[in-house]
Protein backbone atom coordinates (compact mmCIF):
# COMPACT_ATOMS: atom_id res chain seq x y z
CA MET A 1 38.10 4.37 -50.47
CA MET A 2 38.14 8.09 -51.27
CA ASN A 3 41.03 8.63 -48.86
CA ARG A 4 43.26 6.70 -51.28
CA ILE A 5 42.24 8.98 -54.15
CA PHE A 6 41.92 12.45 -52.60
CA GLY A 7 43.93 12.23 -49.39
CA GLN A 8 43.90 10.75 -45.93
CA ASN A 9 41.22 12.96 -44.35
CA THR A 10 38.76 13.12 -47.25
CA HIS A 11 36.04 11.09 -45.53
CA THR A 12 36.42 13.16 -42.36
CA TYR A 13 35.91 16.39 -44.33
CA LEU A 14 32.86 14.91 -46.09
CA HIS A 15 31.51 13.69 -42.74
CA ILE A 16 31.71 17.19 -41.25
CA LEU A 17 30.31 18.71 -44.45
CA GLY A 18 27.23 16.47 -44.35
CA LEU A 19 26.59 17.11 -40.65
CA SER A 20 27.05 20.85 -41.21
CA ALA A 21 24.45 20.67 -44.00
CA ILE A 22 21.97 19.11 -41.59
CA ALA A 23 22.71 21.78 -38.98
CA PHE A 24 22.48 24.53 -41.60
CA GLY A 25 19.11 23.21 -42.80
CA LEU A 26 17.53 22.82 -39.37
CA PRO A 27 16.05 26.35 -39.10
CA TRP A 28 14.72 26.55 -42.64
CA SER A 29 14.99 23.57 -45.02
CA LYS A 30 13.59 20.06 -44.66
CA ALA A 31 15.12 19.19 -48.04
CA LEU A 32 18.64 20.14 -46.91
CA MET A 33 18.22 18.13 -43.71
CA SER A 34 17.28 15.07 -45.77
CA VAL A 35 20.09 15.59 -48.28
CA GLY A 36 22.62 16.02 -45.47
CA MET A 37 21.47 12.81 -43.82
CA MET A 38 21.75 10.83 -47.06
CA PHE A 39 25.17 12.39 -47.64
CA ILE A 40 26.63 11.18 -44.31
CA VAL A 41 25.18 7.69 -44.87
CA LEU A 42 26.74 7.48 -48.35
CA ASN A 43 30.09 8.76 -47.05
CA LEU A 44 30.10 6.09 -44.33
CA LEU A 45 29.36 3.34 -46.83
CA LEU A 46 32.07 4.56 -49.19
CA GLU A 47 34.64 4.67 -46.42
CA ALA A 48 33.59 1.13 -45.47
CA ASP A 49 35.62 0.87 -42.24
CA PHE A 50 33.00 -1.48 -40.82
CA LYS A 51 35.18 -3.12 -38.18
CA SER A 52 35.93 0.23 -36.60
CA TYR A 53 32.27 1.24 -36.84
CA TRP A 54 31.16 -1.89 -35.02
CA ASN A 55 33.77 -1.50 -32.28
CA ASN A 56 32.57 2.04 -31.63
CA ILE A 57 28.90 1.07 -31.64
CA LYS A 58 29.13 -2.01 -29.41
CA SER A 59 31.00 -0.12 -26.67
CA ASN A 60 28.46 2.72 -26.52
CA LYS A 61 25.89 1.73 -23.89
CA ILE A 62 23.65 4.76 -24.27
CA PHE A 63 23.36 4.27 -28.02
CA TRP A 64 21.78 0.84 -27.48
CA LEU A 65 18.88 2.52 -25.73
CA VAL A 66 18.37 4.68 -28.83
CA ALA A 67 18.48 1.56 -31.02
CA GLY A 68 16.09 -0.25 -28.67
CA LEU A 69 13.58 2.59 -28.79
CA PHE A 70 13.60 2.59 -32.58
CA LEU A 71 13.27 -1.20 -32.63
CA LEU A 72 10.09 -0.79 -30.54
CA LYS A 73 8.52 0.99 -33.51
CA PHE A 74 8.79 -2.22 -35.54
CA ILE A 75 7.66 -4.41 -32.65
CA GLY A 76 4.70 -2.09 -32.12
CA MET A 77 3.52 -2.85 -35.66
CA LEU A 78 2.59 -6.38 -34.56
CA TRP A 79 -0.61 -5.15 -32.90
CA THR A 80 -1.33 -1.99 -34.88
CA GLU A 81 -4.44 -1.67 -37.03
CA ASN A 82 -3.26 1.28 -39.10
CA THR A 83 -0.19 -0.08 -40.90
CA SER A 84 0.11 2.90 -43.27
CA ASP A 85 0.36 5.37 -40.37
CA ALA A 86 2.92 3.10 -38.71
CA ILE A 87 5.08 3.07 -41.83
CA ASP A 88 4.76 6.86 -42.16
CA SER A 89 5.82 7.23 -38.52
CA ILE A 90 8.91 5.07 -39.06
CA LYS A 91 9.88 6.99 -42.20
CA ARG A 92 9.38 10.35 -40.48
CA GLU A 93 11.50 9.34 -37.51
CA LEU A 94 14.38 7.77 -39.46
CA PRO A 95 16.74 10.57 -38.33
CA PHE A 96 16.24 9.35 -34.74
CA ILE A 97 18.28 6.22 -35.49
CA THR A 98 20.25 7.20 -38.61
CA ILE A 99 22.10 10.28 -37.39
CA PRO A 100 23.15 8.89 -33.97
CA THR A 101 24.24 5.63 -35.62
CA ILE A 102 26.51 7.50 -38.05
CA LEU A 103 27.96 9.69 -35.31
CA VAL A 104 28.58 6.81 -32.91
CA ALA A 105 30.07 4.63 -35.63
CA ARG A 106 32.28 7.48 -36.83
CA PRO A 107 32.81 9.84 -33.86
CA ILE A 108 33.90 13.44 -34.30
CA LYS A 109 37.35 13.52 -32.73
CA LYS A 110 38.15 17.24 -32.65
CA ALA A 111 36.37 20.05 -30.86
CA GLN A 112 37.09 22.36 -33.80
CA GLN A 113 35.07 20.07 -36.09
CA ILE A 114 32.12 20.20 -33.73
CA ASP A 115 32.46 23.98 -33.66
CA LEU A 116 32.15 24.07 -37.46
CA ILE A 117 28.83 22.22 -37.25
CA LEU A 118 27.64 24.56 -34.49
CA LEU A 119 28.74 27.56 -36.57
CA ALA A 120 26.70 26.34 -39.57
CA PHE A 121 23.66 26.03 -37.32
CA MET A 122 24.16 29.45 -35.72
CA VAL A 123 24.65 31.27 -39.03
CA MET A 124 21.35 30.08 -40.46
CA LEU A 125 19.53 30.44 -37.13
CA LEU A 126 20.61 34.08 -37.01
CA VAL A 127 19.64 34.69 -40.64
CA THR A 128 16.21 33.07 -40.31
CA SER A 129 15.43 34.86 -37.03
CA ILE A 130 16.17 38.21 -38.70
CA LEU A 131 14.07 37.25 -41.74
CA ASN A 132 11.21 36.17 -39.47
CA PHE A 133 11.30 39.38 -37.46
CA GLY A 134 11.75 41.65 -40.49
CA ASN A 135 8.84 40.05 -42.31
CA TYR A 136 6.62 40.33 -39.25
CA LYS A 137 7.49 44.02 -38.85
CA GLN A 138 6.92 44.35 -42.63
CA TRP A 139 10.36 45.85 -43.21
CA PHE A 140 10.43 43.58 -46.25
CA GLY A 141 8.28 40.82 -47.73
CA PRO A 142 4.58 40.90 -48.68
CA LYS A 143 3.21 38.59 -45.97
CA GLU A 144 0.53 39.86 -43.58
CA TYR A 145 0.23 38.12 -40.23
CA ASP A 146 -2.93 37.18 -38.38
CA ASP A 147 -1.03 35.92 -35.32
CA ILE A 148 2.46 36.62 -34.01
CA ARG A 149 2.91 32.88 -33.56
CA GLY A 150 3.03 32.66 -37.34
CA MET A 151 6.22 34.73 -37.32
CA SER A 152 8.33 31.66 -38.11
CA LEU A 153 8.43 31.52 -41.92
CA PHE A 154 10.07 28.16 -42.54
CA ILE A 155 9.23 25.72 -39.73
CA SER A 156 6.77 25.50 -36.84
CA HIS A 157 7.09 28.46 -34.46
CA ILE A 158 7.35 26.01 -31.55
CA ARG A 159 10.17 24.08 -33.20
CA PHE A 160 11.92 27.34 -34.09
CA GLY A 161 11.66 28.47 -30.47
CA LEU A 162 13.43 25.25 -29.51
CA LEU A 163 16.25 26.01 -31.96
CA VAL A 164 16.57 29.57 -30.63
CA SER A 165 17.01 28.19 -27.11
CA MET A 166 19.73 25.85 -28.39
CA GLY A 167 21.33 28.87 -30.06
CA GLY A 168 21.37 30.62 -26.69
CA ALA A 169 23.03 27.55 -25.14
CA ILE A 170 25.69 27.54 -27.88
CA CYS A 171 26.41 31.21 -27.21
CA LEU A 172 27.00 30.48 -23.52
CA TYR A 173 29.24 27.55 -24.46
CA ALA A 174 31.18 29.76 -26.92
CA ILE A 175 31.90 32.45 -24.33
CA LYS A 176 34.53 30.27 -22.68
CA ARG A 177 36.02 28.92 -25.90
CA TYR A 178 36.22 32.20 -27.84
CA ARG A 179 36.89 34.95 -25.34
CA LYS A 180 38.22 37.30 -28.02
CA ALA A 181 34.80 37.24 -29.70
CA LEU A 182 32.92 37.97 -26.47
CA LEU A 183 31.14 41.11 -27.74
CA PRO A 184 29.58 39.58 -30.91
CA ILE A 185 28.68 36.41 -28.99
CA MET A 186 26.87 38.42 -26.32
CA LEU A 187 25.09 40.53 -28.94
CA ILE A 188 23.84 37.37 -30.66
CA PHE A 189 22.75 35.96 -27.29
CA LEU A 190 20.83 39.15 -26.46
CA TRP A 191 19.19 39.13 -29.89
CA LEU A 192 18.04 35.52 -29.41
CA ALA A 193 16.72 36.37 -25.93
CA PHE A 194 14.81 39.35 -27.35
CA TYR A 195 13.43 37.23 -30.19
CA THR A 196 12.22 34.60 -27.71
CA ILE A 197 10.37 37.14 -25.59
CA TYR A 198 8.95 39.06 -28.55
CA SER A 199 7.68 35.94 -30.33
CA GLN A 200 5.46 35.02 -27.35
CA ILE A 201 6.25 31.29 -27.59
CA ILE A 202 5.77 30.03 -24.05
CA SER A 203 7.76 26.84 -24.68
CA GLY A 204 10.60 28.97 -26.09
CA VAL A 205 10.58 31.27 -23.06
CA LEU A 206 10.53 28.24 -20.76
CA THR A 207 13.50 26.54 -22.45
CA PHE A 208 15.52 29.75 -22.92
CA SER A 209 15.00 30.65 -19.25
CA ALA A 210 16.05 27.12 -18.29
CA VAL A 211 19.24 27.54 -20.35
CA ILE A 212 20.16 30.72 -18.48
CA GLY A 213 19.23 29.24 -15.09
CA ALA A 214 21.10 25.97 -15.67
CA TYR A 215 24.18 27.82 -16.94
CA LEU A 216 24.31 30.07 -13.86
CA ILE A 217 23.74 27.13 -11.50
CA TYR A 218 26.47 25.15 -13.26
CA GLN A 219 29.00 27.99 -12.99
CA LEU A 220 28.14 28.70 -9.35
CA TRP A 221 28.36 25.01 -8.48
CA LEU A 222 31.95 24.89 -9.71
CA THR A 223 32.97 27.71 -7.35
CA ARG A 224 30.45 28.22 -4.51
CA LYS A 225 27.93 25.43 -4.08
CA ILE A 226 26.04 27.31 -1.37
CA PHE A 227 25.33 30.15 -3.84
CA ALA A 228 24.20 27.60 -6.43
CA GLN A 229 21.78 26.08 -3.92
CA LEU A 230 20.42 29.51 -2.97
CA PHE A 231 19.96 30.37 -6.63
CA ILE A 232 18.03 27.12 -7.19
CA ILE A 233 15.72 28.08 -4.33
CA VAL A 234 15.21 31.55 -5.84
CA CYS A 235 14.43 30.04 -9.26
CA ILE A 236 11.92 27.62 -7.75
CA GLY A 237 10.31 30.47 -5.83
CA PHE A 238 10.11 32.66 -8.93
CA ALA A 239 8.61 29.86 -11.03
CA THR A 240 6.10 29.10 -8.26
CA ALA A 241 5.07 32.76 -8.07
CA ILE A 242 4.46 32.89 -11.83
CA ALA A 243 2.43 29.67 -11.71
CA MET A 244 0.36 30.97 -8.78
CA TRP A 245 -0.32 34.22 -10.66
CA LEU A 246 -1.40 32.31 -13.78
CA PHE A 247 -3.64 29.80 -12.04
CA LYS A 248 -5.04 32.01 -9.29
CA PRO A 249 -8.74 32.57 -9.98
CA LEU A 250 -9.63 36.10 -11.03
CA LYS A 251 -11.96 37.73 -8.49
CA PHE A 252 -13.66 41.07 -8.21
CA ASP A 253 -15.48 42.90 -5.43
CA LYS A 254 -19.16 42.53 -6.23
CA SER A 255 -20.03 45.27 -3.75
CA GLN A 256 -18.48 47.80 -6.13
CA TYR A 257 -20.92 46.77 -8.85
CA GLN A 258 -24.20 47.09 -6.93
CA ASN A 259 -25.34 50.43 -8.30
CA LEU A 260 -24.02 50.57 -11.84
CA PRO A 261 -25.53 53.18 -14.16
CA GLU A 262 -28.34 51.87 -16.35
CA PHE A 263 -27.76 54.22 -19.27
CA THR A 264 -24.86 55.57 -21.30
CA ALA A 265 -24.03 59.26 -21.67
CA GLU A 266 -26.25 59.23 -24.77
CA GLY A 267 -29.15 57.67 -22.87
CA ASN A 268 -28.90 54.18 -24.36
CA GLU A 269 -29.30 51.15 -22.11
CA TYR A 270 -26.22 49.42 -20.69
CA GLU A 271 -25.81 45.66 -20.39
CA HIS A 272 -24.00 44.45 -17.25
CA ASN A 273 -22.80 40.83 -17.31
CA PHE A 274 -20.29 39.48 -14.79
CA LYS A 275 -19.42 36.20 -16.53
CA TYR A 276 -15.97 37.04 -17.96
CA LEU A 277 -13.15 38.85 -16.17
CA SER A 278 -10.27 40.75 -17.76
CA SER A 279 -6.80 39.43 -16.91
CA GLU A 280 -5.32 42.92 -17.12
CA THR A 281 -7.81 44.80 -14.90
CA GLU A 282 -9.49 41.87 -13.09
CA GLU A 283 -12.81 43.56 -13.83
CA PRO A 284 -15.85 42.17 -15.67
CA VAL A 285 -15.45 42.45 -19.44
CA LEU A 286 -19.16 42.66 -20.25
CA THR A 287 -20.15 45.49 -17.93
CA PHE A 288 -20.76 49.02 -19.26
CA LEU A 289 -21.62 47.38 -22.57
CA CYS A 290 -23.78 49.03 -25.24
CA GLU A 291 -23.39 47.22 -28.55
CA LEU A 292 -25.67 49.70 -30.32
CA GLU A 293 -23.12 52.45 -29.75
CA LEU A 294 -20.13 50.17 -30.28
CA GLU A 295 -21.30 49.10 -33.73
CA ARG A 296 -22.10 52.65 -34.83
CA GLU A 297 -18.87 54.24 -33.61
CA TRP A 298 -16.64 51.35 -34.69
CA GLU A 299 -17.86 51.43 -38.27
CA LYS A 300 -17.09 55.14 -38.42
CA ARG A 301 -13.43 54.35 -37.81
CA SER A 302 -12.83 51.00 -39.50
CA ASP A 303 -13.49 49.44 -42.89
CA ILE A 304 -14.04 46.07 -41.19
CA GLY A 305 -17.63 45.73 -40.00
CA TYR A 306 -18.50 45.31 -36.34
CA HIS A 307 -19.90 41.86 -37.11
CA GLY A 308 -16.99 41.07 -39.41
CA THR A 309 -13.81 39.13 -38.80
CA ALA A 310 -10.41 40.46 -37.70
CA ILE A 311 -7.29 39.43 -39.61
CA SER A 312 -6.67 36.85 -36.87
CA GLY A 313 -9.96 35.14 -37.75
CA ASN A 314 -11.72 36.14 -34.52
CA PRO A 315 -14.94 38.21 -34.47
CA VAL A 316 -14.25 41.95 -34.41
CA SER A 317 -17.02 42.51 -31.84
CA HIS A 318 -15.44 40.16 -29.28
CA THR A 319 -11.95 41.49 -29.96
CA LEU A 320 -13.09 45.11 -29.57
CA ILE A 321 -14.91 44.46 -26.30
CA ARG A 322 -11.92 42.70 -24.73
CA TYR A 323 -9.49 45.37 -25.98
CA LEU A 324 -11.58 48.18 -24.47
CA ALA A 325 -11.78 46.24 -21.19
CA SER A 326 -8.00 45.81 -21.12
CA LYS A 327 -7.63 49.60 -21.33
CA GLY A 328 -10.24 50.17 -18.65
CA LEU A 329 -12.56 51.94 -21.12
CA HIS A 330 -16.33 51.55 -21.15
CA ARG A 331 -17.72 49.47 -23.98
CA ASP A 332 -19.76 52.31 -25.48
CA ALA A 333 -19.38 55.35 -27.72
CA VAL A 334 -17.19 57.15 -25.20
CA GLY A 335 -14.88 54.14 -25.02
CA ILE A 336 -14.51 53.99 -28.83
CA LYS A 337 -13.68 57.70 -28.93
CA GLY A 338 -10.95 57.03 -26.38
CA LEU A 339 -9.14 54.72 -28.81
CA LYS A 340 -6.23 56.01 -30.87
CA ASP A 341 -5.80 55.18 -34.55
CA GLN A 342 -3.08 52.70 -33.59
CA ASP A 343 -5.55 50.95 -31.25
CA ILE A 344 -7.99 50.57 -34.16
CA LYS A 345 -5.29 48.96 -36.31
CA GLU A 346 -4.38 46.57 -33.52
CA ILE A 347 -8.01 45.52 -33.03
CA GLU A 348 -8.32 44.96 -36.78
CA GLN A 349 -5.28 42.69 -36.53
CA GLY A 350 -7.03 40.71 -33.81
CA CYS A 351 -5.32 42.02 -30.66
CA THR A 352 -7.60 41.47 -27.68
CA SER A 353 -5.45 43.42 -25.24
CA VAL A 354 -3.47 46.62 -25.11
CA ASN A 355 -0.69 44.38 -23.76
CA HIS A 356 -0.16 42.54 -27.05
CA ASN A 357 3.63 42.77 -27.38
CA GLY A 358 6.16 40.54 -25.65
CA ILE A 359 5.74 37.65 -23.30
CA MET A 360 3.30 39.44 -20.96
CA ALA A 361 0.75 39.48 -23.77
CA ARG A 362 0.91 35.69 -23.94
CA MET A 363 0.81 35.43 -20.14
CA HIS A 364 -2.34 37.54 -19.96
CA SER A 365 -3.86 35.49 -22.77
CA ILE A 366 -3.20 32.24 -20.89
CA ARG A 367 -4.56 33.74 -17.66
CA PHE A 368 -7.74 34.76 -19.44
CA GLU A 369 -8.08 31.25 -20.92
CA LEU A 370 -7.69 29.57 -17.54
CA ASN A 371 -10.25 31.82 -15.87
CA ASN A 372 -12.79 31.67 -18.69
CA ALA A 373 -12.51 28.01 -19.65
CA ASP A 374 -15.99 27.30 -21.02
CA ASP A 375 -14.74 26.41 -24.51
CA PRO A 376 -11.21 25.05 -25.12
CA ASN A 377 -11.34 25.53 -28.91
CA GLY A 378 -8.86 28.08 -30.21
CA HIS A 379 -7.04 28.30 -26.87
CA SER A 380 -3.70 26.49 -27.03
CA LEU A 381 -3.31 25.81 -23.30
CA LEU A 382 -6.90 24.65 -22.80
CA GLN A 383 -6.58 22.41 -25.84
CA ARG A 384 -3.38 20.94 -24.43
CA LEU A 385 -5.13 20.18 -21.16
CA GLU A 386 -7.70 18.24 -23.17
CA TYR A 387 -4.94 16.42 -25.08
CA TRP A 388 -3.13 15.49 -21.86
CA LYS A 389 -6.36 14.27 -20.29
CA ALA A 390 -7.11 12.16 -23.35
CA GLY A 391 -3.54 10.83 -23.52
CA ALA A 392 -3.51 9.92 -19.83
CA ASN A 393 -6.78 7.99 -20.15
CA ILE A 394 -5.60 6.14 -23.26
CA ALA A 395 -2.30 5.29 -21.53
CA LYS A 396 -4.19 4.06 -18.47
CA GLU A 397 -6.17 1.63 -20.61
CA ASN A 398 -3.11 0.47 -22.58
CA TRP A 399 -0.30 0.76 -20.05
CA LEU A 400 1.28 -2.64 -20.68
CA ILE A 401 2.06 -2.70 -24.43
CA GLY A 402 0.42 0.48 -25.72
CA VAL A 403 -1.87 0.89 -28.72
CA GLY A 404 0.85 0.15 -31.29
CA THR A 405 3.02 2.18 -33.62
CA GLY A 406 0.32 3.41 -36.01
CA ASP A 407 -2.79 3.57 -33.82
CA ALA A 408 -2.21 6.64 -31.63
CA GLN A 409 -4.46 8.91 -33.70
CA LEU A 410 -7.14 6.22 -33.92
CA ALA A 411 -7.07 5.89 -30.13
CA PHE A 412 -7.44 9.66 -29.69
CA ASP A 413 -10.28 9.88 -32.23
CA SER A 414 -12.10 7.06 -30.46
CA TYR A 415 -11.64 8.73 -27.07
CA TYR A 416 -12.91 12.11 -28.28
CA ARG A 417 -16.03 10.49 -29.79
CA SER A 418 -16.79 8.30 -26.78
CA THR A 419 -16.48 11.19 -24.32
CA ASN A 420 -18.31 13.76 -26.50
CA SER A 421 -15.27 16.02 -26.31
CA LEU A 422 -15.83 19.77 -26.46
CA LEU A 423 -13.00 19.97 -29.00
CA ASN A 424 -14.01 20.62 -32.60
CA GLU A 425 -12.96 18.05 -35.20
CA ASP A 426 -10.06 20.18 -36.44
CA HIS A 427 -8.72 20.54 -32.88
CA ARG A 428 -8.81 16.85 -31.94
CA ARG A 429 -5.11 16.12 -31.90
CA ARG A 430 -2.63 13.88 -30.16
CA ALA A 431 -0.92 14.08 -26.77
CA HIS A 432 1.45 17.05 -27.18
CA ASN A 433 3.63 15.36 -24.58
CA GLN A 434 6.42 13.06 -25.74
CA PHE A 435 6.47 11.06 -22.50
CA LEU A 436 2.74 10.39 -22.75
CA THR A 437 3.13 9.48 -26.41
CA PHE A 438 5.76 6.83 -25.64
CA LEU A 439 3.62 5.45 -22.80
CA LEU A 440 0.36 5.18 -24.73
CA THR A 441 2.06 3.95 -27.93
CA TYR A 442 4.56 1.40 -26.58
CA GLY A 443 3.43 0.85 -23.02
CA ILE A 444 5.47 0.99 -19.83
CA LEU A 445 8.61 -0.46 -21.46
CA GLY A 446 8.77 2.28 -24.08
CA PHE A 447 8.22 4.98 -21.46
CA LEU A 448 10.93 3.61 -19.14
CA MET A 449 13.46 3.19 -21.95
CA PHE A 450 12.89 6.78 -23.07
CA ALA A 451 13.16 8.18 -19.54
CA ILE A 452 16.30 6.12 -18.80
CA LEU A 453 17.91 7.35 -22.02
CA LEU A 454 17.44 10.97 -20.97
CA VAL A 455 18.67 10.33 -17.41
CA MET A 456 21.76 8.38 -18.51
CA PHE A 457 22.64 11.00 -21.11
CA PHE A 458 22.30 13.80 -18.53
CA ARG A 459 24.38 11.96 -15.93
CA PHE A 460 27.20 11.21 -18.37
CA ASN A 461 27.45 14.82 -19.53
CA LEU A 462 27.32 16.03 -15.94
CA LYS A 463 30.08 13.60 -14.93
CA HIS A 464 32.35 14.77 -17.75
CA GLU A 465 31.42 18.46 -17.36
CA GLN A 466 29.95 18.70 -20.85
CA LEU A 467 28.04 21.96 -20.37
CA LEU A 468 26.54 22.09 -23.85
CA GLY A 469 25.36 18.49 -23.59
CA ILE A 470 23.68 19.29 -20.27
CA LEU A 471 21.93 22.35 -21.68
CA PHE A 472 20.82 20.40 -24.76
CA ILE A 473 19.15 17.63 -22.78
CA ILE A 474 17.44 20.16 -20.48
CA ILE A 475 16.02 21.98 -23.52
CA SER A 476 14.87 18.72 -25.10
CA SER A 477 13.34 17.31 -21.90
CA LEU A 478 11.33 20.47 -21.25
CA SER A 479 10.07 20.44 -24.83
CA PHE A 480 8.98 16.81 -24.37
CA LEU A 481 6.69 17.91 -21.53
CA ILE A 482 4.60 20.18 -23.75
CA GLU A 483 5.16 18.89 -27.30
CA ASP A 484 5.48 15.73 -29.37
CA THR A 485 8.90 16.99 -30.43
CA LEU A 486 9.94 13.74 -32.10
CA GLU A 487 6.81 13.57 -34.28
CA THR A 488 8.03 16.19 -36.80
CA GLN A 489 11.06 16.19 -39.10
CA ALA A 490 12.55 19.38 -37.68
CA GLY A 491 12.03 18.21 -34.08
CA VAL A 492 13.41 14.70 -34.51
CA THR A 493 16.35 15.91 -36.62
CA PHE A 494 17.25 18.52 -34.00
CA PHE A 495 17.19 15.92 -31.25
CA ALA A 496 19.01 13.29 -33.30
CA LEU A 497 21.78 15.62 -34.48
CA PHE A 498 22.76 17.01 -31.10
CA LEU A 499 22.15 13.72 -29.31
CA GLY A 500 24.40 12.07 -31.89
CA ILE A 501 27.14 14.69 -31.48
CA PHE A 502 27.27 14.07 -27.74
CA LEU A 503 26.70 10.31 -28.03
CA SER A 504 29.77 10.12 -30.27
CA ASP A 505 31.69 11.28 -27.23
CA GLN A 506 30.36 8.51 -24.95
CA ASN A 507 33.09 6.01 -25.84
CA GLU A 508 35.62 6.19 -23.04
CA SER A 509 38.33 5.67 -25.66
CA GLN A 510 37.52 9.09 -27.09
CA HIS A 511 38.25 12.43 -25.47
CA PRO A 512 35.60 12.79 -22.76
CA LYS A 513 36.02 16.53 -22.36
CA LYS A 514 36.77 17.56 -25.89
CA ILE A 515 33.75 19.84 -26.21
CA THR A 516 34.83 21.97 -23.28
CA ASP A 517 38.61 21.75 -23.70
């Protein structure tokens, strides 16, 4: 329609503009994502080339799995009790079907057009990452942070970590296509890698590391397969070593703690408790403890009371004791005097360890959680273990057809009550695993369809040497293991947009290698 008025390629330009708006909005604006999606739908309807749309759709085998999965949401309403939650779920996940449908019906036919969409995404990703970091460092902006994981200003820190990993993948893809811009591309890649490590988002570190590993394996496989195989072995060994370090029980030599002093240098009585061990020193946290001296000396140096609350929301007393233990200082007056002013500020912020910057801080935090697992509340990994346990039990009881589209939360609430879960009410959440969510919601059919979709998509991109498509599905699949990625607007739009871009290339009549040409 508009082609006749404004020129032959008008609808193509509007198509790319709408998709670029979605990509531009991903790191910061739900409203722009929604507007962009409505824009591409309206453009398709105005163009009205329905015969061509249908020919493209019917020949795309992988797309029919996407359509089938979305259809399951409606079928799953037949046995749901909570119809309002089911409707909300369908509305929230509309991008899952809408964006791929538009992109399959009207494929992007030029690599340069895809690059424009990727550029829109990268520009805003770079801007928002700098804004996030600058605000956290208080270079600008009034916000005070109680947790580094709140560093993402606009969307969930976990979802933003996913986008940063995709940004890293796009940089690696761009190296081959834009060799003249190698220096700025590498600088952006290094910035995104630094941001991932600094932000302490384990899922982000996992996916970004997978991007680098998969890229190197892919490049080695094209030239020397034996080197690629050796590198895979090294990666597996490295990952195994990290896992063993995390999950290995902390132990200490009790013989070294047989004759501990009973009194401090001031003559006050020590408490020696061996219940909790420090991840950093592997020594008991509650030995050489004199709270009488701690309270007195702490309140000389801080305006926050010893029995008060740190900015993070955790008790100052607990935070102080763990921080001193991480530095190997006694938990008494002498230990407090050994703290610098910067240490005091960090404790006031809620830092429980001297190692509070970078990914090692998060690693030590997880290690401490795993070795002192009495109470899962407030500990993200321990909470996830509870969610996975709950999800697995619900799925076991409803493996055939699932609980229905709107009843997942009801099923979890019922499980937590019936098992007297240790989780507090505000921590009783859903599976945090997309595979489990499909299984417990739609049964074995939903799970298999979802898994087959991912496998088929990966195999097609591998066959046609679509590096960026391979990296995208690796990022997404890893995120599905530890998050309900498709349960939020940012997560489902991210998946739908990039899945749609690569799905639009699945028609054999198109150019199967256009994204790497």
